[in-house]
Structures are given as C-alpha cells and as structure tokens.
Amino acid sequence: AIADFGDEEYKQMLCVDGAAIEKPITLKPGEEWTG
C-alpha cells in the first residue's frame, strides 16, 4: 500500500530509531536540547 516502497522490500529492511516520543522534549526560551 506504500507507493514509494517495493512490494517485497519489507524483507530487506528494519527501522530501529533513537527517539524522544512518549514524553516530548520541552524547551524554555533560550534553552537547548542535545541528542
């Protein structure tokens, strides 16, 4: 169903992502986050 993805290509890939999702990062004015 994904237009820019080959029908059988799911066999050759796996996404494993470093992420910050469950608790979003909050920045105060002027503050910096590093990942």
PDB file of all heavy atoms in Angstrom:
ATOM      1  N   ALA A   1       0.810  -1.224   0.000  1.00  0.00           N
ATOM      2  CA  ALA A   1       0.000   0.000   0.000  1.00  0.00           C
ATOM      3  C   ALA A   1       0.844   1.275   0.000  1.00  0.00           C
ATOM      4  O   ALA A   1       0.322   2.361  -0.176  1.00  0.00           O
ATOM      5  CB  ALA A   1      -0.922  -0.003   1.225  1.00  0.00           C
ATOM      6  N   ILE A   2       2.167   1.125   0.205  1.00  0.00           N
ATOM      7  CA  ILE A   2       3.040   2.315   0.243  1.00  0.00           C
ATOM      8  C   ILE A   2       3.579   2.555  -1.163  1.00  0.00           C
ATOM      9  O   ILE A   2       4.266   1.700  -1.729  1.00  0.00           O
ATOM     10  CB  ILE A   2       4.205   2.115   1.238  1.00  0.00           C
ATOM     11  CG1 ILE A   2       3.669   1.863   2.651  1.00  0.00           C
ATOM     12  CG2 ILE A   2       5.138   3.321   1.231  1.00  0.00           C
ATOM     13  CD1 ILE A   2       4.736   1.473   3.683  1.00  0.00           C
ATOM     14  N   ALA A   3       3.259   3.715  -1.722  1.00  0.00           N
ATOM     15  CA  ALA A   3       3.571   3.971  -3.141  1.00  0.00           C
ATOM     16  C   ALA A   3       5.070   3.956  -3.426  1.00  0.00           C
ATOM     17  O   ALA A   3       5.509   3.448  -4.459  1.00  0.00           O
ATOM     18  CB  ALA A   3       2.978   5.317  -3.559  1.00  0.00           C
ATOM     19  N   ASP A   4       5.871   4.514  -2.504  1.00  0.00           N
ATOM     20  CA  ASP A   4       7.311   4.619  -2.786  1.00  0.00           C
ATOM     21  C   ASP A   4       8.103   3.509  -2.097  1.00  0.00           C
ATOM     22  O   ASP A   4       9.212   3.707  -1.597  1.00  0.00           O
ATOM     23  CB  ASP A   4       7.850   6.006  -2.377  1.00  0.00           C
ATOM     24  CG  ASP A   4       7.625   6.313  -0.895  1.00  0.00           C
ATOM     25  OD1 ASP A   4       6.838   5.589  -0.243  1.00  0.00           O
ATOM     26  OD2 ASP A   4       8.232   7.279  -0.398  1.00  0.00           O
ATOM     27  N   PHE A   5       7.510   2.296  -2.109  1.00  0.00           N
ATOM     28  CA  PHE A   5       8.139   1.159  -1.421  1.00  0.00           C
ATOM     29  C   PHE A   5       7.805  -0.098  -2.218  1.00  0.00           C
ATOM     30  O   PHE A   5       6.643  -0.314  -2.572  1.00  0.00           O
ATOM     31  CB  PHE A   5       7.551   1.082   0.002  1.00  0.00           C
ATOM     32  CG  PHE A   5       8.282   0.170   0.945  1.00  0.00           C
ATOM     33  CD1 PHE A   5       9.417   0.611   1.609  1.00  0.00           C
ATOM     34  CD2 PHE A   5       7.822  -1.115   1.199  1.00  0.00           C
ATOM     35  CE1 PHE A   5      10.079  -0.218   2.507  1.00  0.00           C
ATOM     36  CE2 PHE A   5       8.479  -1.949   2.085  1.00  0.00           C
ATOM     37  CZ  PHE A   5       9.617  -1.491   2.743  1.00  0.00           C
ATOM     38  N   GLY A   6       8.810  -0.917  -2.531  1.00  0.00           N
ATOM     39  CA  GLY A   6       8.571  -2.136  -3.306  1.00  0.00           C
ATOM     40  C   GLY A   6       7.780  -3.169  -2.512  1.00  0.00           C
ATOM     41  O   GLY A   6       7.907  -3.251  -1.290  1.00  0.00           O
ATOM     42  N   ASP A   7       6.963  -3.950  -3.208  1.00  0.00           N
ATOM     43  CA  ASP A   7       6.068  -4.914  -2.542  1.00  0.00           C
ATOM     44  C   ASP A   7       6.802  -5.895  -1.632  1.00  0.00           C
ATOM     45  O   ASP A   7       6.287  -6.293  -0.597  1.00  0.00           O
ATOM     46  CB  ASP A   7       5.279  -5.715  -3.589  1.00  0.00           C
ATOM     47  CG  ASP A   7       4.242  -4.853  -4.297  1.00  0.00           C
ATOM     48  OD1 ASP A   7       4.122  -3.660  -3.934  1.00  0.00           O
ATOM     49  OD2 ASP A   7       3.568  -5.362  -5.211  1.00  0.00           O
ATOM     50  N   GLU A   8       8.006  -6.316  -2.067  1.00  0.00           N
ATOM     51  CA  GLU A   8       8.736  -7.338  -1.308  1.00  0.00           C
ATOM     52  C   GLU A   8       9.874  -6.740  -0.475  1.00  0.00           C
ATOM     53  O   GLU A   8      10.612  -7.470   0.183  1.00  0.00           O
ATOM     54  CB  GLU A   8       9.332  -8.378  -2.276  1.00  0.00           C
ATOM     55  CG  GLU A   8       8.293  -9.144  -3.092  1.00  0.00           C
ATOM     56  CD  GLU A   8       7.466 -10.084  -2.223  1.00  0.00           C
ATOM     57  OE1 GLU A   8       8.059 -10.775  -1.373  1.00  0.00           O
ATOM     58  OE2 GLU A   8       6.226 -10.109  -2.387  1.00  0.00           O
ATOM     59  N   GLU A   9      10.027  -5.423  -0.511  1.00  0.00           N
ATOM     60  CA  GLU A   9      11.218  -4.827   0.107  1.00  0.00           C
ATOM     61  C   GLU A   9      11.198  -4.851   1.633  1.00  0.00           C
ATOM     62  O   GLU A   9      12.238  -4.660   2.262  1.00  0.00           O
ATOM     63  CB  GLU A   9      11.398  -3.372  -0.383  1.00  0.00           C
ATOM     64  CG  GLU A   9      11.912  -3.310  -1.807  1.00  0.00           C
ATOM     65  CD  GLU A   9      12.180  -1.895  -2.293  1.00  0.00           C
ATOM     66  OE1 GLU A   9      11.513  -0.938  -1.821  1.00  0.00           O
ATOM     67  OE2 GLU A   9      13.039  -1.729  -3.154  1.00  0.00           O
ATOM     68  N   TYR A  10      10.028  -5.111   2.212  1.00  0.00           N
ATOM     69  CA  TYR A  10       9.974  -5.192   3.675  1.00  0.00           C
ATOM     70  C   TYR A  10      10.912  -6.260   4.214  1.00  0.00           C
ATOM     71  O   TYR A  10      11.339  -6.210   5.370  1.00  0.00           O
ATOM     72  CB  TYR A  10       8.524  -5.453   4.147  1.00  0.00           C
ATOM     73  CG  TYR A  10       8.025  -6.846   3.868  1.00  0.00           C
ATOM     74  CD1 TYR A  10       8.172  -7.854   4.817  1.00  0.00           C
ATOM     75  CD2 TYR A  10       7.427  -7.165   2.640  1.00  0.00           C
ATOM     76  CE1 TYR A  10       7.728  -9.148   4.561  1.00  0.00           C
ATOM     77  CE2 TYR A  10       6.989  -8.459   2.380  1.00  0.00           C
ATOM     78  CZ  TYR A  10       7.145  -9.442   3.337  1.00  0.00           C
ATOM     79  OH  TYR A  10       6.720 -10.718   3.074  1.00  0.00           O
ATOM     80  N   LYS A  11      11.260  -7.242   3.354  1.00  0.00           N
ATOM     81  CA  LYS A  11      12.154  -8.329   3.805  1.00  0.00           C
ATOM     82  C   LYS A  11      13.584  -7.842   4.006  1.00  0.00           C
ATOM     83  O   LYS A  11      14.353  -8.456   4.733  1.00  0.00           O
ATOM     84  CB  LYS A  11      12.150  -9.468   2.783  1.00  0.00           C
ATOM     85  CG  LYS A  11      10.802 -10.156   2.657  1.00  0.00           C
ATOM     86  CD  LYS A  11      10.804 -11.158   1.521  1.00  0.00           C
ATOM     87  CE  LYS A  11       9.428 -11.800   1.359  1.00  0.00           C
ATOM     88  NZ  LYS A  11       9.341 -12.602   0.129  1.00  0.00           N
ATOM     89  N   GLN A  12      13.952  -6.753   3.321  1.00  0.00           N
ATOM     90  CA  GLN A  12      15.354  -6.299   3.322  1.00  0.00           C
ATOM     91  C   GLN A  12      15.604  -5.090   4.216  1.00  0.00           C
ATOM     92  O   GLN A  12      16.658  -4.484   4.150  1.00  0.00           O
ATOM     93  CB  GLN A  12      15.808  -5.938   1.898  1.00  0.00           C
ATOM     94  CG  GLN A  12      16.392  -7.121   1.134  1.00  0.00           C
ATOM     95  CD  GLN A  12      15.326  -8.069   0.624  1.00  0.00           C
ATOM     96  OE1 GLN A  12      14.455  -7.670  -0.125  1.00  0.00           O
ATOM     97  NE2 GLN A  12      15.399  -9.321   1.050  1.00  0.00           N
ATOM     98  N   MET A  13      14.633  -4.696   5.035  1.00  0.00           N
ATOM     99  CA  MET A  13      14.810  -3.508   5.867  1.00  0.00           C
ATOM    100  C   MET A  13      14.208  -3.694   7.252  1.00  0.00           C
ATOM    101  O   MET A  13      13.310  -4.506   7.456  1.00  0.00           O
ATOM    102  CB  MET A  13      14.194  -2.263   5.199  1.00  0.00           C
ATOM    103  CG  MET A  13      12.714  -2.319   4.851  1.00  0.00           C
ATOM    104  SD  MET A  13      11.492  -2.354   6.200  1.00  0.00           S
ATOM    105  CE  MET A  13      11.706  -0.723   6.883  1.00  0.00           C
ATOM    106  N   LEU A  14      14.762  -2.930   8.188  1.00  0.00           N
ATOM    107  CA  LEU A  14      14.179  -2.844   9.518  1.00  0.00           C
ATOM    108  C   LEU A  14      14.510  -1.458  10.065  1.00  0.00           C
ATOM    109  O   LEU A  14      15.668  -1.044  10.033  1.00  0.00           O
ATOM    110  CB  LEU A  14      14.764  -3.911  10.453  1.00  0.00           C
ATOM    111  CG  LEU A  14      14.277  -3.843  11.906  1.00  0.00           C
ATOM    112  CD1 LEU A  14      12.778  -4.100  12.008  1.00  0.00           C
ATOM    113  CD2 LEU A  14      15.042  -4.834  12.787  1.00  0.00           C
ATOM    114  N   CYS A  15      13.488  -0.741  10.523  1.00  0.00           N
ATOM    115  CA  CYS A  15      13.726   0.558  11.149  1.00  0.00           C
ATOM    116  C   CYS A  15      13.858   0.386  12.655  1.00  0.00           C
ATOM    117  O   CYS A  15      12.972  -0.197  13.292  1.00  0.00           O
ATOM    118  CB  CYS A  15      12.595   1.537  10.845  1.00  0.00           C
ATOM    119  SG  CYS A  15      12.636   2.175   9.166  1.00  0.00           S
ATOM    120  N   VAL A  16      14.963   0.862  13.195  1.00  0.00           N
ATOM    121  CA  VAL A  16      15.175   0.923  14.644  1.00  0.00           C
ATOM    122  C   VAL A  16      15.683   2.340  14.910  1.00  0.00           C
ATOM    123  O   VAL A  16      16.772   2.695  14.478  1.00  0.00           O
ATOM    124  CB  VAL A  16      16.191  -0.132  15.121  1.00  0.00           C
ATOM    125  CG1 VAL A  16      16.439   0.003  16.623  1.00  0.00           C
ATOM    126  CG2 VAL A  16      15.689  -1.545  14.797  1.00  0.00           C
ATOM    127  N   ASP A  17      14.857   3.148  15.571  1.00  0.00           N
ATOM    128  CA  ASP A  17      15.116   4.585  15.675  1.00  0.00           C
ATOM    129  C   ASP A  17      15.400   4.999  17.106  1.00  0.00           C
ATOM    130  O   ASP A  17      14.608   4.695  18.003  1.00  0.00           O
ATOM    131  CB  ASP A  17      13.875   5.414  15.264  1.00  0.00           C
ATOM    132  CG  ASP A  17      13.184   4.960  13.997  1.00  0.00           C
ATOM    133  OD1 ASP A  17      13.693   4.045  13.332  1.00  0.00           O
ATOM    134  OD2 ASP A  17      12.129   5.538  13.675  1.00  0.00           O
ATOM    135  N   GLY A  18      16.457   5.758  17.312  1.00  0.00           N
ATOM    136  CA  GLY A  18      16.598   6.511  18.556  1.00  0.00           C
ATOM    137  C   GLY A  18      15.609   7.656  18.513  1.00  0.00           C
ATOM    138  O   GLY A  18      15.499   8.354  17.503  1.00  0.00           O
ATOM    139  N   ALA A  19      14.837   7.870  19.610  1.00  0.00           N
ATOM    140  CA  ALA A  19      13.718   8.812  19.534  1.00  0.00           C
ATOM    141  C   ALA A  19      13.366   9.371  20.912  1.00  0.00           C
ATOM    142  O   ALA A  19      13.749   8.811  21.942  1.00  0.00           O
ATOM    143  CB  ALA A  19      12.496   8.105  18.937  1.00  0.00           C
ATOM    144  N   ALA A  20      12.636  10.471  20.899  1.00  0.00           N
ATOM    145  CA  ALA A  20      12.009  11.018  22.120  1.00  0.00           C
ATOM    146  C   ALA A  20      10.562  11.284  21.742  1.00  0.00           C
ATOM    147  O   ALA A  20      10.268  12.265  21.058  1.00  0.00           O
ATOM    148  CB  ALA A  20      12.713  12.293  22.567  1.00  0.00           C
ATOM    149  N   ILE A  21       9.680  10.361  22.143  1.00  0.00           N
ATOM    150  CA  ILE A  21       8.289  10.402  21.676  1.00  0.00           C
ATOM    151  C   ILE A  21       7.297  10.383  22.825  1.00  0.00           C
ATOM    152  O   ILE A  21       6.410  11.221  22.902  1.00  0.00           O
ATOM    153  CB  ILE A  21       8.008   9.207  20.727  1.00  0.00           C
ATOM    154  CG1 ILE A  21       8.869   9.354  19.477  1.00  0.00           C
ATOM    155  CG2 ILE A  21       6.523   9.136  20.358  1.00  0.00           C
ATOM    156  CD1 ILE A  21       8.925   8.124  18.635  1.00  0.00           C
ATOM    157  N   GLU A  22       7.436   9.400  23.727  1.00  0.00           N
ATOM    158  CA  GLU A  22       6.413   9.242  24.772  1.00  0.00           C
ATOM    159  C   GLU A  22       6.293  10.523  25.601  1.00  0.00           C
ATOM    160  O   GLU A  22       5.199  11.009  25.860  1.00  0.00           O
ATOM    161  CB  GLU A  22       6.748   8.067  25.691  1.00  0.00           C
ATOM    162  CG  GLU A  22       5.599   7.791  26.642  1.00  0.00           C
ATOM    163  CD  GLU A  22       6.002   7.069  27.918  1.00  0.00           C
ATOM    164  OE1 GLU A  22       7.191   7.036  28.275  1.00  0.00           O
ATOM    165  OE2 GLU A  22       5.094   6.549  28.569  1.00  0.00           O
ATOM    166  N   LYS A  23       7.431  11.056  26.028  1.00  0.00           N
ATOM    167  CA  LYS A  23       7.436  12.332  26.771  1.00  0.00           C
ATOM    168  C   LYS A  23       8.145  13.346  25.903  1.00  0.00           C
ATOM    169  O   LYS A  23       9.380  13.339  25.827  1.00  0.00           O
ATOM    170  CB  LYS A  23       8.169  12.162  28.102  1.00  0.00           C
ATOM    171  CG  LYS A  23       7.475  11.179  29.028  1.00  0.00           C
ATOM    172  CD  LYS A  23       8.280  10.925  30.284  1.00  0.00           C
ATOM    173  CE  LYS A  23       7.541   9.948  31.176  1.00  0.00           C
ATOM    174  NZ  LYS A  23       8.443   9.054  31.906  1.00  0.00           N
ATOM    175  N   PRO A  24       7.409  14.204  25.207  1.00  0.00           N
ATOM    176  CA  PRO A  24       8.064  15.178  24.340  1.00  0.00           C
ATOM    177  C   PRO A  24       9.074  16.036  25.103  1.00  0.00           C
ATOM    178  O   PRO A  24       8.972  16.196  26.326  1.00  0.00           O
ATOM    179  CB  PRO A  24       6.901  16.022  23.809  1.00  0.00           C
ATOM    180  CG  PRO A  24       5.714  15.101  23.876  1.00  0.00           C
ATOM    181  CD  PRO A  24       5.941  14.272  25.106  1.00  0.00           C
ATOM    182  N   ILE A  25      10.052  16.544  24.378  1.00  0.00           N
ATOM    183  CA  ILE A  25      11.069  17.427  24.948  1.00  0.00           C
ATOM    184  C   ILE A  25      10.452  18.824  25.071  1.00  0.00           C
ATOM    185  O   ILE A  25       9.901  19.340  24.098  1.00  0.00           O
ATOM    186  CB  ILE A  25      12.291  17.524  24.009  1.00  0.00           C
ATOM    187  CG1 ILE A  25      12.811  16.138  23.607  1.00  0.00           C
ATOM    188  CG2 ILE A  25      13.369  18.420  24.609  1.00  0.00           C
ATOM    189  CD1 ILE A  25      13.462  15.351  24.675  1.00  0.00           C
ATOM    190  N   THR A  26      10.555  19.436  26.242  1.00  0.00           N
ATOM    191  CA  THR A  26      10.083  20.811  26.416  1.00  0.00           C
ATOM    192  C   THR A  26      11.277  21.723  26.626  1.00  0.00           C
ATOM    193  O   THR A  26      12.156  21.430  27.456  1.00  0.00           O
ATOM    194  CB  THR A  26       9.119  20.910  27.616  1.00  0.00           C
ATOM    195  OG1 THR A  26       7.990  20.070  27.356  1.00  0.00           O
ATOM    196  CG2 THR A  26       8.625  22.333  27.813  1.00  0.00           C
ATOM    197  N   LEU A  27      11.315  22.799  25.851  1.00  0.00           N
ATOM    198  CA  LEU A  27      12.399  23.774  25.965  1.00  0.00           C
ATOM    199  C   LEU A  27      11.847  25.115  26.425  1.00  0.00           C
ATOM    200  O   LEU A  27      10.884  25.624  25.858  1.00  0.00           O
ATOM    201  CB  LEU A  27      13.074  23.987  24.605  1.00  0.00           C
ATOM    202  CG  LEU A  27      13.925  22.854  24.048  1.00  0.00           C
ATOM    203  CD1 LEU A  27      14.522  23.282  22.707  1.00  0.00           C
ATOM    204  CD2 LEU A  27      15.028  22.459  25.017  1.00  0.00           C
ATOM    205  N   LYS A  28      12.489  25.671  27.442  1.00  0.00           N
ATOM    206  CA  LYS A  28      12.169  27.047  27.854  1.00  0.00           C
ATOM    207  C   LYS A  28      12.878  27.996  26.884  1.00  0.00           C
ATOM    208  O   LYS A  28      13.807  27.579  26.165  1.00  0.00           O
ATOM    209  CB  LYS A  28      12.677  27.294  29.268  1.00  0.00           C
ATOM    210  CG  LYS A  28      12.046  26.404  30.329  1.00  0.00           C
ATOM    211  CD  LYS A  28      12.485  26.880  31.719  1.00  0.00           C
ATOM    212  CE  LYS A  28      12.029  25.923  32.799  1.00  0.00           C
ATOM    213  NZ  LYS A  28      12.982  24.808  32.996  1.00  0.00           N
ATOM    214  N   PRO A  29      12.495  29.285  26.875  1.00  0.00           N
ATOM    215  CA  PRO A  29      13.163  30.249  25.992  1.00  0.00           C
ATOM    216  C   PRO A  29      14.683  30.235  26.214  1.00  0.00           C
ATOM    217  O   PRO A  29      15.153  30.237  27.353  1.00  0.00           O
ATOM    218  CB  PRO A  29      12.557  31.588  26.414  1.00  0.00           C
ATOM    219  CG  PRO A  29      11.210  31.243  26.961  1.00  0.00           C
ATOM    220  CD  PRO A  29      11.372  29.911  27.610  1.00  0.00           C
ATOM    221  N   GLY A  30      15.423  30.158  25.107  1.00  0.00           N
ATOM    222  CA  GLY A  30      16.887  30.160  25.189  1.00  0.00           C
ATOM    223  C   GLY A  30      17.501  28.821  25.527  1.00  0.00           C
ATOM    224  O   GLY A  30      18.723  28.653  25.467  1.00  0.00           O
ATOM    225  N   GLU A  31      16.679  27.839  25.873  1.00  0.00           N
ATOM    226  CA  GLU A  31      17.211  26.541  26.290  1.00  0.00           C
ATOM    227  C   GLU A  31      17.543  25.686  25.073  1.00  0.00           C
ATOM    228  O   GLU A  31      16.924  25.820  24.020  1.00  0.00           O
ATOM    229  CB  GLU A  31      16.158  25.833  27.159  1.00  0.00           C
ATOM    230  CG  GLU A  31      16.717  24.785  28.079  1.00  0.00           C
ATOM    231  CD  GLU A  31      15.662  24.268  29.067  1.00  0.00           C
ATOM    232  OE1 GLU A  31      14.445  24.487  28.877  1.00  0.00           O
ATOM    233  OE2 GLU A  31      16.073  23.628  30.026  1.00  0.00           O
ATOM    234  N   GLU A  32      18.514  24.785  25.235  1.00  0.00           N
ATOM    235  CA  GLU A  32      18.934  23.910  24.132  1.00  0.00           C
ATOM    236  C   GLU A  32      18.876  22.454  24.567  1.00  0.00           C
ATOM    237  O   GLU A  32      19.265  22.116  25.684  1.00  0.00           O
ATOM    238  CB  GLU A  32      20.367  24.269  23.704  1.00  0.00           C
ATOM    239  CG  GLU A  32      20.837  23.482  22.491  1.00  0.00           C
ATOM    240  CD  GLU A  32      22.201  23.964  21.989  1.00  0.00           C
ATOM    241  OE1 GLU A  32      23.232  23.508  22.502  1.00  0.00           O
ATOM    242  OE2 GLU A  32      22.221  24.821  21.088  1.00  0.00           O
ATOM    243  N   TRP A  33      18.375  21.611  23.667  1.00  0.00           N
ATOM    244  CA  TRP A  33      18.356  20.157  23.891  1.00  0.00           C
ATOM    245  C   TRP A  33      19.422  19.514  23.002  1.00  0.00           C
ATOM    246  O   TRP A  33      19.635  19.943  21.858  1.00  0.00           O
ATOM    247  CB  TRP A  33      16.983  19.592  23.510  1.00  0.00           C
ATOM    248  CG  TRP A  33      16.940  18.096  23.419  1.00  0.00           C
ATOM    249  CD1 TRP A  33      16.776  17.200  24.431  1.00  0.00           C
ATOM    250  CD2 TRP A  33      17.076  17.308  22.219  1.00  0.00           C
ATOM    251  NE1 TRP A  33      16.796  15.911  23.949  1.00  0.00           N
ATOM    252  CE2 TRP A  33      16.991  15.947  22.587  1.00  0.00           C
ATOM    253  CE3 TRP A  33      17.275  17.624  20.867  1.00  0.00           C
ATOM    254  CZ2 TRP A  33      17.081  14.908  21.670  1.00  0.00           C
ATOM    255  CZ3 TRP A  33      17.372  16.584  19.952  1.00  0.00           C
ATOM    256  CH2 TRP A  33      17.272  15.246  20.352  1.00  0.00           C
ATOM    257  N   THR A  34      20.073  18.490  23.529  1.00  0.00           N
ATOM    258  CA  THR A  34      21.066  17.752  22.751  1.00  0.00           C
ATOM    259  C   THR A  34      20.696  16.273  22.721  1.00  0.00           C
ATOM    260  O   THR A  34      20.364  15.696  23.765  1.00  0.00           O
ATOM    261  CB  THR A  34      22.467  17.896  23.390  1.00  0.00           C
ATOM    262  OG1 THR A  34      22.802  19.279  23.435  1.00  0.00           O
ATOM    263  CG2 THR A  34      23.522  17.172  22.571  1.00  0.00           C
ATOM    264  N   GLY A  35      20.738  15.693  21.546  1.00  0.00           N
ATOM    265  CA  GLY A  35      20.504  14.256  21.387  1.00  0.00           C
ATOM    266  C   GLY A  35      21.569  13.679  20.485  1.00  0.00           C
ATOM    267  O   GLY A  35      22.006  14.327  19.532  1.00  0.00           O
TER     268      GLY A  35
END
